[in-house]
Protein backbone atom coordinates (compact mmCIF):
# COMPACT_ATOMS: atom_id res chain seq x y z
CA ASP A 1 145.72 73.17 52.23
CA THR A 2 142.71 73.35 53.89
CA ALA A 3 141.65 70.66 57.10
CA LEU A 4 139.49 69.73 54.79
CA THR A 5 141.45 68.90 51.80
CA VAL A 6 144.31 67.24 53.91
CA GLU A 7 141.38 64.90 55.80
CA LEU A 8 140.07 63.78 52.10
CA ARG A 9 143.50 63.39 50.53
CA GLN A 10 144.26 61.00 53.97
CA LYS A 11 141.33 59.33 54.72
CA GLU A 12 139.51 58.81 51.20
CA ALA A 13 142.41 58.30 48.92
CA LEU A 14 140.38 61.46 47.07
CA ALA A 15 142.39 64.35 45.02
CA PRO A 16 141.14 67.24 42.56
CA GLU A 17 141.58 66.70 39.25
CA ARG A 18 145.01 67.24 37.50
CA VAL A 19 144.30 70.19 35.90
CA LYS A 20 143.18 72.16 39.42
CA LEU A 21 146.79 71.99 40.75
CA TYR A 22 148.01 74.68 37.66
CA GLN A 23 149.52 77.89 39.71
CA PHE A 24 150.43 81.21 38.14
CA PRO A 25 153.54 82.25 39.29
CA TRP A 26 153.35 85.68 36.53
CA LEU A 27 151.17 87.61 34.03
CA LEU A 28 151.70 89.85 31.26
CA GLY A 29 148.66 91.03 29.53
CA ALA A 30 147.38 94.11 27.07
CA ASP A 31 144.19 95.58 26.94
CA ALA A 32 141.82 98.42 25.48
CA GLN A 33 139.05 100.61 27.16
CA TRP A 34 136.65 102.23 26.38
CA SER A 35 134.37 104.79 28.63
CA PRO A 36 130.94 105.07 27.48
CA PHE A 37 129.51 107.16 31.10
CA TYR A 38 131.80 110.03 32.37
CA GLY A 39 131.03 113.20 33.79
CA LYS A 40 131.45 115.58 36.95
CA VAL A 41 130.58 115.33 40.88
CA SER A 42 129.39 118.73 42.48
CA LEU A 43 127.36 119.61 45.23
CA MET A 44 125.93 123.39 45.67
CA ASP A 45 128.05 124.19 42.80
CA VAL A 46 130.99 122.76 44.85
CA ALA A 47 132.83 120.72 42.32
CA LEU A 48 133.90 117.10 44.11
CA GLY A 49 135.47 115.99 40.99
CA GLN A 50 135.32 113.77 37.72
CA PHE A 51 134.46 110.00 37.00
CA ASN A 52 134.41 107.81 34.42
CA LEU A 53 133.03 104.32 34.20
CA TYR A 54 134.60 101.97 31.81
CA LEU A 55 134.75 98.19 30.59
CA SER A 56 137.54 96.08 28.95
CA VAL A 57 138.87 93.63 26.69
CA GLY A 58 142.35 92.36 26.43
CA ALA A 59 144.60 89.17 25.83
CA ALA A 60 147.28 87.89 28.80
CA ALA A 61 149.75 85.37 28.75
CA PHE A 62 149.98 83.80 32.75
CA GLY A 63 153.06 81.15 33.42
CA LEU A 64 152.15 78.14 34.37
CA GLN A 65 153.63 75.65 37.19
CA LEU A 66 151.78 72.21 37.93
CA GLU A 67 152.01 70.69 41.17
CA THR A 68 153.38 67.04 41.36
CA VAL A 69 151.14 64.33 43.40
CA THR A 70 154.05 62.60 44.85
CA ALA A 71 154.32 63.96 48.46
CA PRO A 72 156.76 67.09 49.01
CA PRO A 73 158.88 67.53 51.83
CA PRO A 74 156.55 69.29 54.88
CA GLY A 75 156.68 72.99 54.20
CA ARG A 76 157.92 72.52 50.66
CA LYS A 77 155.90 71.76 47.17
CA THR A 78 157.62 70.32 44.27
CA TYR A 79 156.22 70.57 40.69
CA VAL A 80 156.75 68.92 37.06
CA ASN A 81 158.91 69.61 34.57
CA LEU A 82 156.51 71.03 31.75
CA ALA A 83 157.74 71.72 28.04
CA PRO A 84 158.35 75.07 27.02
CA THR A 85 156.05 76.76 24.97
CA PHE A 86 157.10 77.10 21.10
CA GLY A 87 160.37 74.88 22.62
CA VAL A 88 162.21 78.56 23.76
CA LEU A 89 159.63 80.56 25.47
CA PRO A 90 158.54 79.24 29.35
CA THR A 91 155.52 77.57 30.19
CA MET A 92 152.54 79.91 29.59
CA ALA A 93 148.76 79.84 28.79
CA ALA A 94 147.21 82.46 26.67
CA SER A 95 143.88 84.01 28.34
CA THR A 96 141.24 86.55 27.57
CA THR A 97 140.42 89.24 29.74
CA PHE A 98 136.92 91.03 30.21
CA GLY A 99 136.15 93.82 32.81
CA GLY A 100 135.44 96.82 34.01
CA GLY A 101 135.78 99.73 36.09
CA LEU A 102 135.51 103.23 37.80
CA ARG A 103 137.93 105.75 38.00
CA PHE A 104 137.13 109.21 40.23
CA TYR A 105 139.20 111.84 40.23
CA PHE A 106 139.58 114.14 42.94
CA THR A 107 141.82 117.23 41.37
CA ASP A 108 143.05 116.95 38.05
CA TRP A 109 146.14 114.88 39.49
CA LEU A 110 144.79 112.59 42.14
CA GLY A 111 142.20 110.02 41.51
CA VAL A 112 141.25 106.85 43.05
CA ARG A 113 140.03 103.41 40.21
CA LEU A 114 137.92 100.38 41.38
CA GLU A 115 138.24 97.85 38.65
CA VAL A 116 137.31 93.87 38.38
CA ARG A 117 138.65 91.86 35.71
CA ASP A 118 138.07 88.01 34.48
CA TYR A 119 140.67 86.21 33.10
CA VAL A 120 139.37 83.00 31.15
CA ILE A 121 142.01 80.43 30.63
CA PRO A 122 141.50 77.29 29.17
CA LEU A 123 144.32 74.52 30.84
CA ALA A 124 144.79 70.99 30.04
CA VAL A 125 147.18 67.93 31.73
CA HIS A 126 147.80 65.71 28.37
CA ASP A 127 148.85 61.90 29.51
CA ASN A 128 150.61 61.43 26.00
CA GLY A 129 152.02 63.00 23.68
CA GLN A 130 154.82 66.07 23.28
CA ASP A 131 153.02 67.84 26.27
CA ALA A 132 152.29 64.83 28.09
CA VAL A 133 152.83 64.94 32.15
CA THR A 134 154.81 61.89 33.65
CA ASP A 135 152.80 61.72 36.96
CA ALA A 136 149.39 62.27 34.75
CA ASP A 137 146.45 59.34 35.52
CA GLY A 138 144.51 60.64 32.14
CA PRO A 139 143.82 63.97 30.10
CA SER A 140 142.71 66.31 32.15
CA PHE A 141 140.59 69.91 30.95
CA ASP A 142 139.07 72.58 31.97
CA VAL A 143 138.47 76.34 31.51
CA THR A 144 139.41 78.71 34.66
CA ASN A 145 138.13 81.90 35.57
CA LEU A 146 140.31 83.90 37.39
CA VAL A 147 138.55 86.69 38.99
CA LEU A 148 140.66 90.23 39.95
CA ALA A 149 139.64 93.09 41.98
CA GLN A 150 141.76 96.03 42.00
CA LEU A 151 141.87 99.27 44.20
CA GLY A 152 144.31 101.84 43.58
CA VAL A 153 145.62 105.36 43.24
CA SER A 154 146.00 107.21 40.15
CA PHE A 155 148.24 110.21 39.73
CA VAL A 156 148.34 112.40 36.75
CA PHE A 157 151.29 113.93 35.08
């Protein structure tokens, strides 16, 4: 936590909305890509490489951990025991993903990729019912946009 967050919690007894305390320890996703623009770059008859711009849409599953609101031991975070998804799977939330990027290939086998994706995740904390959280002070709901930017190297086999 930042110094401002600690000060607000201690002096003003303020805390973020309960749903804001979710953490995502893992992500599993799949998407489809469409490349409407592609081409070659050359300068004075010297080919510099090929590029393609692409858009993507897909779905993902995020693992969920919810921090407790009680004070944990110094240097440690404690988490609420959440009900398993469908009774057997690890606790998770479904997400949709939208994004786009640019691939640039210097040779037939080597390139770079720059991509930005927005994961849209609906999150809720229930204070009663089957999925109730024991230390919830009321129901809480939020739609989180997790935006990830990636830069990578591509090897084509």
